């Protein structure tokens, strides 16, 4: 039987006084949430395993609230629609969830000056049988490790991400770019948002990484891959990645979630098979 083993970890880092990140780990079929030992290994079915990372922003405690609202709303809506008949149904549910999150955060900010401008990134992964669906807004990221190769699944919805996509900036230059933290879109900031949906076929041995920019800021993709190859266990890998980000200065909150896929229900990769992605940008 195909299964997923999952763990997640968040740290405040070395500079921030408050952690505005939030993660979600939920078995939509059993309605279990969190990281209790019995819930860390889940069967892969059409009920769905949901993993998400949100990086909040805003004054006072507004960032904490925005990322928390995002996680709670996401679970509530997807759980109500689970199990999913097929990937098309899952995509429709993910789009509805993004809309619901955006509206919930804007509603919570309305009429309260201390919450003005609060918002959050959200990178959510839904594993359904042998397929993976990512719903993404902002500059948190999703990666998939297959063998010894690490593929970034999401694109950064930021000025830097746009410049890299246009070929006007190299990834190594982006690390010192003056406006590297300026987002082009986030949930709760504008009435409408254009999420990115990415789908891929899973293979046995694939390892999914979701993370906030507190990881990808101080660590290169090469450093992240090296730690993922060294630590196969999701719990140990999460700890190693967050500790490495803090050791590199920890300039921001850092959150990581790792999911490792295995079992007879998944096909083995064919040689050095690359990750084949289907990507759609939606306007809601």
C-alpha atoms as a PDB file:
ATOM      1  CA  UNK A   1       0.000   0.000   0.000  1.00  0.00           C
ATOM      2  CA  UNK A   2       1.223   3.485  -0.834  1.00  0.00           C
ATOM      3  CA  UNK A   3       1.832   5.699   2.168  1.00  0.00           C
ATOM      4  CA  UNK A   4       3.285   9.016   3.231  1.00  0.00           C
ATOM      5  CA  UNK A   5       5.441   9.723   6.266  1.00  0.00           C
ATOM      6  CA  UNK A   6       5.314  13.357   7.333  1.00  0.00           C
ATOM      7  CA  UNK A   7       6.765  15.758   9.882  1.00  0.00           C
ATOM      8  CA  UNK A   8       6.978  19.552  10.256  1.00  0.00           C
ATOM      9  CA  UNK A   9       8.850  22.012  12.458  1.00  0.00           C
ATOM     10  CA  UNK A  10       8.871  25.780  13.012  1.00  0.00           C
ATOM     11  CA  UNK A  11      11.400  28.036  14.740  1.00  0.00           C
ATOM     12  CA  UNK A  12      11.301  31.740  15.546  1.00  0.00           C
ATOM     13  CA  UNK A  13      14.876  32.179  14.284  1.00  0.00           C
ATOM     14  CA  UNK A  14      17.615  34.382  15.725  1.00  0.00           C
ATOM     15  CA  UNK A  15      16.308  37.885  14.948  1.00  0.00           C
ATOM     16  CA  UNK A  16      12.510  37.982  15.116  1.00  0.00           C
ATOM     17  CA  UNK A  17      10.780  38.294  18.485  1.00  0.00           C
ATOM     18  CA  UNK A  18       7.613  36.496  17.363  1.00  0.00           C
ATOM     19  CA  UNK A  19       6.886  33.543  15.107  1.00  0.00           C
ATOM     20  CA  UNK A  20       4.356  34.483  12.414  1.00  0.00           C
ATOM     21  CA  UNK A  21       4.731  31.198  10.520  1.00  0.00           C
ATOM     22  CA  UNK A  22       2.168  28.414  10.730  1.00  0.00           C
ATOM     23  CA  UNK A  23       2.084  24.861   9.408  1.00  0.00           C
ATOM     24  CA  UNK A  24      -0.670  22.324   8.829  1.00  0.00           C
ATOM     25  CA  UNK A  25      -0.487  18.529   8.779  1.00  0.00           C
ATOM     26  CA  UNK A  26      -3.887  16.862   8.382  1.00  0.00           C
ATOM     27  CA  UNK A  27      -5.274  13.484   7.385  1.00  0.00           C
ATOM     28  CA  UNK A  28      -8.497  14.580   5.698  1.00  0.00           C
ATOM     29  CA  UNK A  29      -9.879  11.031   5.637  1.00  0.00           C
ATOM     30  CA  UNK A  30      -9.570  10.419   9.386  1.00  0.00           C
ATOM     31  CA  UNK A  31      -9.915  14.125  10.313  1.00  0.00           C
ATOM     32  CA  UNK A  32      -6.772  13.905  12.420  1.00  0.00           C
ATOM     33  CA  UNK A  33      -4.493  16.938  12.630  1.00  0.00           C
ATOM     34  CA  UNK A  34      -1.043  17.417  14.073  1.00  0.00           C
ATOM     35  CA  UNK A  35       2.058  15.333  14.581  1.00  0.00           C
ATOM     36  CA  UNK A  36       1.110  12.646  17.076  1.00  0.00           C
ATOM     37  CA  UNK A  37       3.265   9.539  16.491  1.00  0.00           C
ATOM     38  CA  UNK A  38       0.300   7.556  15.152  1.00  0.00           C
ATOM     39  CA  UNK A  39      -0.567  10.253  12.609  1.00  0.00           C
ATOM     40  CA  UNK A  40       2.874  10.685  11.067  1.00  0.00           C
ATOM     41  CA  UNK A  41       2.416   7.752   8.673  1.00  0.00           C
ATOM     42  CA  UNK A  42      -0.754   7.887   6.579  1.00  0.00           C
ATOM     43  CA  UNK A  43      -2.128   5.755   3.721  1.00  0.00           C
ATOM     44  CA  UNK A  44      -2.349   7.543   0.395  1.00  0.00           C
ATOM     45  CA  UNK A  45      -5.979   7.584  -0.707  1.00  0.00           C
ATOM     46  CA  UNK A  46      -8.508   9.912  -2.294  1.00  0.00           C
ATOM     47  CA  UNK A  47      -9.394  11.239   1.165  1.00  0.00           C
ATOM     48  CA  UNK A  48      -6.144  13.172   0.964  1.00  0.00           C
ATOM     49  CA  UNK A  49      -3.188  14.102   3.122  1.00  0.00           C
ATOM     50  CA  UNK A  50      -2.848  17.881   3.491  1.00  0.00           C
ATOM     51  CA  UNK A  51       0.387  19.697   4.330  1.00  0.00           C
ATOM     52  CA  UNK A  52       0.751  23.464   4.271  1.00  0.00           C
ATOM     53  CA  UNK A  53       3.160  26.230   5.260  1.00  0.00           C
ATOM     54  CA  UNK A  54       2.024  29.838   5.780  1.00  0.00           C
ATOM     55  CA  UNK A  55       4.241  32.866   6.438  1.00  0.00           C
ATOM     56  CA  UNK A  56       2.246  35.712   7.966  1.00  0.00           C
ATOM     57  CA  UNK A  57       2.886  39.452   7.758  1.00  0.00           C
ATOM     58  CA  UNK A  58       1.412  42.530   9.406  1.00  0.00           C
ATOM     59  CA  UNK A  59       1.749  44.806  12.424  1.00  0.00           C
ATOM     60  CA  UNK A  60       1.275  43.817  16.077  1.00  0.00           C
ATOM     61  CA  UNK A  61       0.161  40.179  16.160  1.00  0.00           C
ATOM     62  CA  UNK A  62      -1.609  40.414  12.794  1.00  0.00           C
ATOM     63  CA  UNK A  63       0.856  38.147  10.960  1.00  0.00           C
ATOM     64  CA  UNK A  64       0.324  35.395  13.516  1.00  0.00           C
ATOM     65  CA  UNK A  65      -3.427  35.743  13.094  1.00  0.00           C
ATOM     66  CA  UNK A  66      -3.343  35.779   9.288  1.00  0.00           C
ATOM     67  CA  UNK A  67      -1.285  32.596   8.981  1.00  0.00           C
ATOM     68  CA  UNK A  68      -3.399  30.850  11.617  1.00  0.00           C
ATOM     69  CA  UNK A  69      -6.652  31.829   9.863  1.00  0.00           C
ATOM     70  CA  UNK A  70      -5.200  30.539   6.602  1.00  0.00           C
ATOM     71  CA  UNK A  71      -4.366  27.134   8.061  1.00  0.00           C
ATOM     72  CA  UNK A  72      -7.687  26.711   9.856  1.00  0.00           C
ATOM     73  CA  UNK A  73      -9.783  27.810   6.862  1.00  0.00           C
ATOM     74  CA  UNK A  74      -7.831  25.614   4.459  1.00  0.00           C
ATOM     75  CA  UNK A  75      -8.361  22.484   6.559  1.00  0.00           C
ATOM     76  CA  UNK A  76     -12.032  23.249   7.171  1.00  0.00           C
ATOM     77  CA  UNK A  77     -12.917  23.678   3.504  1.00  0.00           C
ATOM     78  CA  UNK A  78     -10.877  20.785   2.095  1.00  0.00           C
ATOM     79  CA  UNK A  79     -12.069  18.450   4.835  1.00  0.00           C
ATOM     80  CA  UNK A  80     -15.676  19.304   3.965  1.00  0.00           C
ATOM     81  CA  UNK A  81     -15.047  18.285   0.322  1.00  0.00           C
ATOM     82  CA  UNK A  82     -13.016  15.146   1.020  1.00  0.00           C
ATOM     83  CA  UNK A  83     -12.906  12.467  -0.371  1.00  0.00           C
ATOM     84  CA  UNK A  84     -12.233  13.772  -3.869  1.00  0.00           C
ATOM     85  CA  UNK A  85     -13.612  12.000  -6.927  1.00  0.00           C
ATOM     86  CA  UNK A  86     -10.559  12.883  -9.007  1.00  0.00           C
ATOM     87  CA  UNK A  87      -7.822  15.460  -9.454  1.00  0.00           C
ATOM     88  CA  UNK A  88     -10.205  17.876 -11.176  1.00  0.00           C
ATOM     89  CA  UNK A  89     -12.450  17.862  -8.092  1.00  0.00           C
ATOM     90  CA  UNK A  90      -9.400  18.419  -5.889  1.00  0.00           C
ATOM     91  CA  UNK A  91      -8.301  21.383  -8.005  1.00  0.00           C
ATOM     92  CA  UNK A  92     -11.728  22.990  -7.725  1.00  0.00           C
ATOM     93  CA  UNK A  93     -11.654  22.471  -3.966  1.00  0.00           C
ATOM     94  CA  UNK A  94      -8.172  23.987  -3.703  1.00  0.00           C
ATOM     95  CA  UNK A  95      -9.250  27.074  -5.654  1.00  0.00           C
ATOM     96  CA  UNK A  96     -12.312  27.442  -3.427  1.00  0.00           C
ATOM     97  CA  UNK A  97     -10.085  27.113  -0.365  1.00  0.00           C
ATOM     98  CA  UNK A  98      -7.741  29.876  -1.578  1.00  0.00           C
ATOM     99  CA  UNK A  99     -10.739  32.164  -2.112  1.00  0.00           C
ATOM    100  CA  UNK A 100     -12.121  31.310   1.332  1.00  0.00           C
ATOM    101  CA  UNK A 101      -8.767  31.987   3.000  1.00  0.00           C
ATOM    102  CA  UNK A 102      -8.395  35.333   1.233  1.00  0.00           C
ATOM    103  CA  UNK A 103     -11.897  36.406   2.259  1.00  0.00           C
ATOM    104  CA  UNK A 104     -11.489  35.183   5.854  1.00  0.00           C
ATOM    105  CA  UNK A 105      -8.305  37.172   6.399  1.00  0.00           C
ATOM    106  CA  UNK A 106      -9.769  40.311   4.839  1.00  0.00           C
ATOM    107  CA  UNK A 107     -12.867  39.918   7.004  1.00  0.00           C
ATOM    108  CA  UNK A 108     -10.776  39.594  10.152  1.00  0.00           C
ATOM    109  CA  UNK A 109      -8.853  42.764   9.242  1.00  0.00           C
ATOM    110  CA  UNK A 110     -11.888  44.894   8.413  1.00  0.00           C
ATOM    111  CA  UNK A 111     -12.532  47.654  10.919  1.00  0.00           C
ATOM    112  CA  UNK A 112      -9.409  47.020  13.009  1.00  0.00           C
ATOM    113  CA  UNK A 113      -6.553  49.469  12.275  1.00  0.00           C
ATOM    114  CA  UNK A 114      -4.025  47.211  14.030  1.00  0.00           C
ATOM    115  CA  UNK A 115      -4.721  44.502  11.466  1.00  0.00           C
ATOM    116  CA  UNK A 116      -4.534  46.753   8.404  1.00  0.00           C
ATOM    117  CA  UNK A 117      -2.512  45.131   5.638  1.00  0.00           C
ATOM    118  CA  UNK A 118      -2.167  41.776   7.335  1.00  0.00           C
ATOM    119  CA  UNK A 119      -1.717  38.817   5.044  1.00  0.00           C
ATOM    120  CA  UNK A 120       0.102  35.561   4.544  1.00  0.00           C
ATOM    121  CA  UNK A 121       1.748  33.371   1.991  1.00  0.00           C
ATOM    122  CA  UNK A 122       0.359  29.860   1.614  1.00  0.00           C
ATOM    123  CA  UNK A 123       1.882  26.819   0.002  1.00  0.00           C
ATOM    124  CA  UNK A 124      -0.434  23.830   0.415  1.00  0.00           C
ATOM    125  CA  UNK A 125       0.157  20.264  -0.786  1.00  0.00           C
ATOM    126  CA  UNK A 126      -2.599  17.702  -1.196  1.00  0.00           C
ATOM    127  CA  UNK A 127      -1.477  14.104  -1.770  1.00  0.00           C
ATOM    128  CA  UNK A 128      -4.158  11.971  -3.408  1.00  0.00           C
ATOM    129  CA  UNK A 129      -3.214   8.384  -4.177  1.00  0.00           C
ATOM    130  CA  UNK A 130      -0.269   8.655  -6.528  1.00  0.00           C
ATOM    131  CA  UNK A 131      -0.808  12.308  -7.393  1.00  0.00           C
ATOM    132  CA  UNK A 132       0.294  15.565  -5.807  1.00  0.00           C
ATOM    133  CA  UNK A 133      -1.518  18.906  -6.023  1.00  0.00           C
ATOM    134  CA  UNK A 134       0.066  22.173  -4.873  1.00  0.00           C
ATOM    135  CA  UNK A 135      -1.879  25.392  -4.271  1.00  0.00           C
ATOM    136  CA  UNK A 136       0.484  28.341  -3.944  1.00  0.00           C
ATOM    137  CA  UNK A 137       0.393  32.080  -3.267  1.00  0.00           C
ATOM    138  CA  UNK A 138       3.450  34.098  -2.194  1.00  0.00           C
ATOM    139  CA  UNK A 139       7.109  33.165  -1.770  1.00  0.00           C
ATOM    140  CA  UNK A 140       7.039  30.146   0.492  1.00  0.00           C
ATOM    141  CA  UNK A 141       8.135  27.188  -1.611  1.00  0.00           C
ATOM    142  CA  UNK A 142       7.510  23.559  -2.503  1.00  0.00           C
ATOM    143  CA  UNK A 143      10.340  21.292  -3.660  1.00  0.00           C
ATOM    144  CA  UNK A 144      10.387  17.637  -4.665  1.00  0.00           C
ATOM    145  CA  UNK A 145      13.489  15.503  -4.228  1.00  0.00           C
ATOM    146  CA  UNK A 146      13.633  12.552  -6.605  1.00  0.00           C
ATOM    147  CA  UNK A 147      16.808  10.539  -6.245  1.00  0.00           C
ATOM    148  CA  UNK A 148      19.658  13.022  -5.880  1.00  0.00           C
ATOM    149  CA  UNK A 149      17.905  15.876  -7.711  1.00  0.00           C
ATOM    150  CA  UNK A 150      15.896  18.670  -6.075  1.00  0.00           C
ATOM    151  CA  UNK A 151      13.199  20.386  -8.167  1.00  0.00           C
ATOM    152  CA  UNK A 152      11.498  23.618  -7.132  1.00  0.00           C
ATOM    153  CA  UNK A 153       7.800  23.107  -7.904  1.00  0.00           C
ATOM    154  CA  UNK A 154       6.530  26.621  -7.138  1.00  0.00           C
ATOM    155  CA  UNK A 155       7.554  30.019  -8.475  1.00  0.00           C
ATOM    156  CA  UNK A 156       8.070  32.944  -6.114  1.00  0.00           C
ATOM    157  CA  UNK A 157       5.310  35.544  -6.383  1.00  0.00           C
ATOM    158  CA  UNK A 158       7.764  38.339  -5.716  1.00  0.00           C
ATOM    159  CA  UNK A 159       9.746  40.950  -7.617  1.00  0.00           C
ATOM    160  CA  UNK A 160      12.797  38.696  -7.481  1.00  0.00           C
ATOM    161  CA  UNK A 161      10.817  35.681  -8.648  1.00  0.00           C
ATOM    162  CA  UNK A 162       9.472  37.624 -11.615  1.00  0.00           C
ATOM    163  CA  UNK A 163      12.949  38.846 -12.577  1.00  0.00           C
ATOM    164  CA  UNK A 164      14.357  35.318 -12.387  1.00  0.00           C
ATOM    165  CA  UNK A 165      11.481  33.944 -14.489  1.00  0.00           C
ATOM    166  CA  UNK A 166      12.126  36.653 -17.087  1.00  0.00           C
ATOM    167  CA  UNK A 167      15.843  35.802 -17.191  1.00  0.00           C
ATOM    168  CA  UNK A 168      16.851  39.230 -15.920  1.00  0.00           C
ATOM    169  CA  UNK A 169      18.286  37.971 -12.642  1.00  0.00           C
ATOM    170  CA  UNK A 170      20.209  34.837 -11.743  1.00  0.00           C
ATOM    171  CA  UNK A 171      19.164  32.861  -8.619  1.00  0.00           C
ATOM    172  CA  UNK A 172      22.541  33.468  -6.992  1.00  0.00           C
ATOM    173  CA  UNK A 173      22.143  37.224  -7.535  1.00  0.00           C
ATOM    174  CA  UNK A 174      18.705  37.192  -5.927  1.00  0.00           C
ATOM    175  CA  UNK A 175      20.130  36.445  -2.492  1.00  0.00           C
ATOM    176  CA  UNK A 176      21.599  39.949  -2.230  1.00  0.00           C
ATOM    177  CA  UNK A 177      18.999  41.804  -4.304  1.00  0.00           C
ATOM    178  CA  UNK A 178      17.717  44.927  -2.538  1.00  0.00           C
ATOM    179  CA  UNK A 179      13.995  44.206  -3.025  1.00  0.00           C
ATOM    180  CA  UNK A 180      14.148  40.426  -2.598  1.00  0.00           C
ATOM    181  CA  UNK A 181      11.398  40.405   0.077  1.00  0.00           C
ATOM    182  CA  UNK A 182       8.801  42.445  -1.848  1.00  0.00           C
ATOM    183  CA  UNK A 183       5.797  40.219  -2.644  1.00  0.00           C
ATOM    184  CA  UNK A 184       3.605  40.667  -5.691  1.00  0.00           C
ATOM    185  CA  UNK A 185       0.692  38.905  -4.045  1.00  0.00           C
ATOM    186  CA  UNK A 186      -0.313  37.398  -0.715  1.00  0.00           C
ATOM    187  CA  UNK A 187      -3.559  36.183   0.805  1.00  0.00           C
ATOM    188  CA  UNK A 188      -5.685  38.778   2.587  1.00  0.00           C
ATOM    189  CA  UNK A 189      -4.082  41.831   1.026  1.00  0.00           C
ATOM    190  CA  UNK A 190      -6.199  42.292  -2.113  1.00  0.00           C
ATOM    191  CA  UNK A 191      -9.834  41.445  -2.964  1.00  0.00           C
ATOM    192  CA  UNK A 192      -8.726  38.964  -5.616  1.00  0.00           C
ATOM    193  CA  UNK A 193      -5.699  36.708  -5.860  1.00  0.00           C
ATOM    194  CA  UNK A 194      -4.216  34.538  -8.606  1.00  0.00           C
ATOM    195  CA  UNK A 195      -3.021  31.258  -7.089  1.00  0.00           C
ATOM    196  CA  UNK A 196      -0.686  28.886  -8.848  1.00  0.00           C
ATOM    197  CA  UNK A 197      -1.817  25.258  -9.117  1.00  0.00           C
ATOM    198  CA  UNK A 198       0.836  22.607  -9.775  1.00  0.00           C
ATOM    199  CA  UNK A 199       0.206  18.892 -10.176  1.00  0.00           C
ATOM    200  CA  UNK A 200       2.641  15.999 -10.514  1.00  0.00           C
ATOM    201  CA  UNK A 201       2.704  12.216 -10.476  1.00  0.00           C
ATOM    202  CA  UNK A 202       4.415  10.817  -7.389  1.00  0.00           C
ATOM    203  CA  UNK A 203       7.039   8.086  -7.515  1.00  0.00           C
ATOM    204  CA  UNK A 204       8.184   5.748  -4.756  1.00  0.00           C
ATOM    205  CA  UNK A 205      10.981   7.427  -2.825  1.00  0.00           C
ATOM    206  CA  UNK A 206       9.932  10.990  -3.644  1.00  0.00           C
ATOM    207  CA  UNK A 207      10.389  13.487  -0.811  1.00  0.00           C
ATOM    208  CA  UNK A 208       8.332  16.695  -0.676  1.00  0.00           C
ATOM    209  CA  UNK A 209       9.629  19.797   1.101  1.00  0.00           C
ATOM    210  CA  UNK A 210       7.432  22.793   1.936  1.00  0.00           C
ATOM    211  CA  UNK A 211       9.156  25.770   3.551  1.00  0.00           C
ATOM    212  CA  UNK A 212       8.921  29.452   4.366  1.00  0.00           C
ATOM    213  CA  UNK A 213      11.566  31.851   3.055  1.00  0.00           C
ATOM    214  CA  UNK A 214      13.238  31.647   6.457  1.00  0.00           C
ATOM    215  CA  UNK A 215      14.857  28.491   5.063  1.00  0.00           C
ATOM    216  CA  UNK A 216      15.582  29.513   1.487  1.00  0.00           C
ATOM    217  CA  UNK A 217      16.916  32.930   2.494  1.00  0.00           C
ATOM    218  CA  UNK A 218      19.986  31.761   4.434  1.00  0.00           C
ATOM    219  CA  UNK A 219      20.457  28.365   2.712  1.00  0.00           C
ATOM    220  CA  UNK A 220      21.127  27.599  -0.938  1.00  0.00           C
ATOM    221  CA  UNK A 221      19.255  24.837  -2.744  1.00  0.00           C
ATOM    222  CA  UNK A 222      22.514  22.856  -2.779  1.00  0.00           C
ATOM    223  CA  UNK A 223      22.801  23.063   1.017  1.00  0.00           C
ATOM    224  CA  UNK A 224      19.145  22.069   1.421  1.00  0.00           C
ATOM    225  CA  UNK A 225      19.577  19.062  -0.878  1.00  0.00           C
ATOM    226  CA  UNK A 226      22.697  17.928   0.965  1.00  0.00           C
ATOM    227  CA  UNK A 227      20.796  17.843   4.263  1.00  0.00           C
ATOM    228  CA  UNK A 228      17.804  16.079   2.691  1.00  0.00           C
ATOM    229  CA  UNK A 229      20.129  13.380   1.335  1.00  0.00           C
ATOM    230  CA  UNK A 230      21.894  13.014   4.670  1.00  0.00           C
ATOM    231  CA  UNK A 231      18.727  12.769   6.794  1.00  0.00           C
ATOM    232  CA  UNK A 232      16.119  10.426   5.312  1.00  0.00           C
ATOM    233  CA  UNK A 233      13.788  10.446   8.331  1.00  0.00           C
ATOM    234  CA  UNK A 234      11.354  13.403   8.068  1.00  0.00           C
ATOM    235  CA  UNK A 235      11.675  14.283  11.763  1.00  0.00           C
ATOM    236  CA  UNK A 236      15.489  14.365  11.656  1.00  0.00           C
ATOM    237  CA  UNK A 237      15.455  16.190   8.338  1.00  0.00           C
ATOM    238  CA  UNK A 238      13.113  18.918   9.616  1.00  0.00           C
ATOM    239  CA  UNK A 239      15.314  19.418  12.647  1.00  0.00           C
ATOM    240  CA  UNK A 240      18.505  19.540  10.578  1.00  0.00           C
ATOM    241  CA  UNK A 241      17.082  22.076   8.120  1.00  0.00           C
ATOM    242  CA  UNK A 242      15.694  24.470  10.738  1.00  0.00           C
ATOM    243  CA  UNK A 243      18.873  24.247  12.810  1.00  0.00           C
ATOM    244  CA  UNK A 244      21.009  24.928   9.732  1.00  0.00           C
ATOM    245  CA  UNK A 245      18.946  28.031   8.909  1.00  0.00           C
ATOM    246  CA  UNK A 246      19.403  29.294  12.457  1.00  0.00           C
ATOM    247  CA  UNK A 247      23.129  28.521  12.370  1.00  0.00           C
ATOM    248  CA  UNK A 248      23.349  30.609   9.178  1.00  0.00           C
ATOM    249  CA  UNK A 249      21.978  33.629  11.040  1.00  0.00           C
ATOM    250  CA  UNK A 250      18.275  32.796  11.305  1.00  0.00           C
ATOM    251  CA  UNK A 251      17.152  36.213  10.000  1.00  0.00           C
ATOM    252  CA  UNK A 252      13.500  35.167   9.810  1.00  0.00           C
ATOM    253  CA  UNK A 253      11.053  32.632  11.184  1.00  0.00           C
ATOM    254  CA  UNK A 254      11.801  29.269   9.580  1.00  0.00           C
ATOM    255  CA  UNK A 255       9.242  26.532   8.952  1.00  0.00           C
ATOM    256  CA  UNK A 256       9.704  23.260   7.100  1.00  0.00           C
ATOM    257  CA  UNK A 257       7.477  20.275   6.381  1.00  0.00           C
ATOM    258  CA  UNK A 258       8.790  17.025   4.922  1.00  0.00           C
ATOM    259  CA  UNK A 259       6.713  14.228   3.369  1.00  0.00           C
ATOM    260  CA  UNK A 260       8.305  10.977   2.167  1.00  0.00           C
ATOM    261  CA  UNK A 261       6.302   8.762  -0.186  1.00  0.00           C
ATOM    262  CA  UNK A 262       6.728   4.989  -0.384  1.00  0.00           C
ATOM    263  CA  UNK A 263       4.902   1.695  -0.915  1.00  0.00           C
ATOM    264  CA  UNK A 264       3.899  -0.781  -3.610  1.00  0.00           C
ATOM    265  CA  UNK A 265       1.102   1.470  -4.845  1.00  0.00           C
ATOM    266  CA  UNK A 266       3.590   3.948  -6.318  1.00  0.00           C
ATOM    267  CA  UNK A 267       5.649   3.413  -9.460  1.00  0.00           C
ATOM    268  CA  UNK A 268       9.421   3.482  -9.219  1.00  0.00           C
ATOM    269  CA  UNK A 269      11.176   6.315 -11.071  1.00  0.00           C
ATOM    270  CA  UNK A 270      12.628   5.276 -14.409  1.00  0.00           C
ATOM    271  CA  UNK A 271      16.349   5.950 -14.156  1.00  0.00           C
ATOM    272  CA  UNK A 272      16.954   9.657 -13.550  1.00  0.00           C
ATOM    273  CA  UNK A 273      13.349  10.496 -14.307  1.00  0.00           C
ATOM    274  CA  UNK A 274      12.631  14.211 -13.988  1.00  0.00           C
ATOM    275  CA  UNK A 275       9.548  15.553 -12.244  1.00  0.00           C
ATOM    276  CA  UNK A 276       6.875  16.252 -14.872  1.00  0.00           C
ATOM    277  CA  UNK A 277       4.745  19.225 -13.808  1.00  0.00           C
ATOM    278  CA  UNK A 278       1.442  20.650 -14.928  1.00  0.00           C
ATOM    279  CA  UNK A 279       1.223  24.309 -13.947  1.00  0.00           C
ATOM    280  CA  UNK A 280      -1.743  26.681 -14.137  1.00  0.00           C
ATOM    281  CA  UNK A 281      -2.010  30.283 -12.927  1.00  0.00           C
ATOM    282  CA  UNK A 282      -5.561  31.167 -11.934  1.00  0.00           C
ATOM    283  CA  UNK A 283      -7.295  34.494 -11.400  1.00  0.00           C
ATOM    284  CA  UNK A 284     -10.064  34.356  -8.817  1.00  0.00           C
END
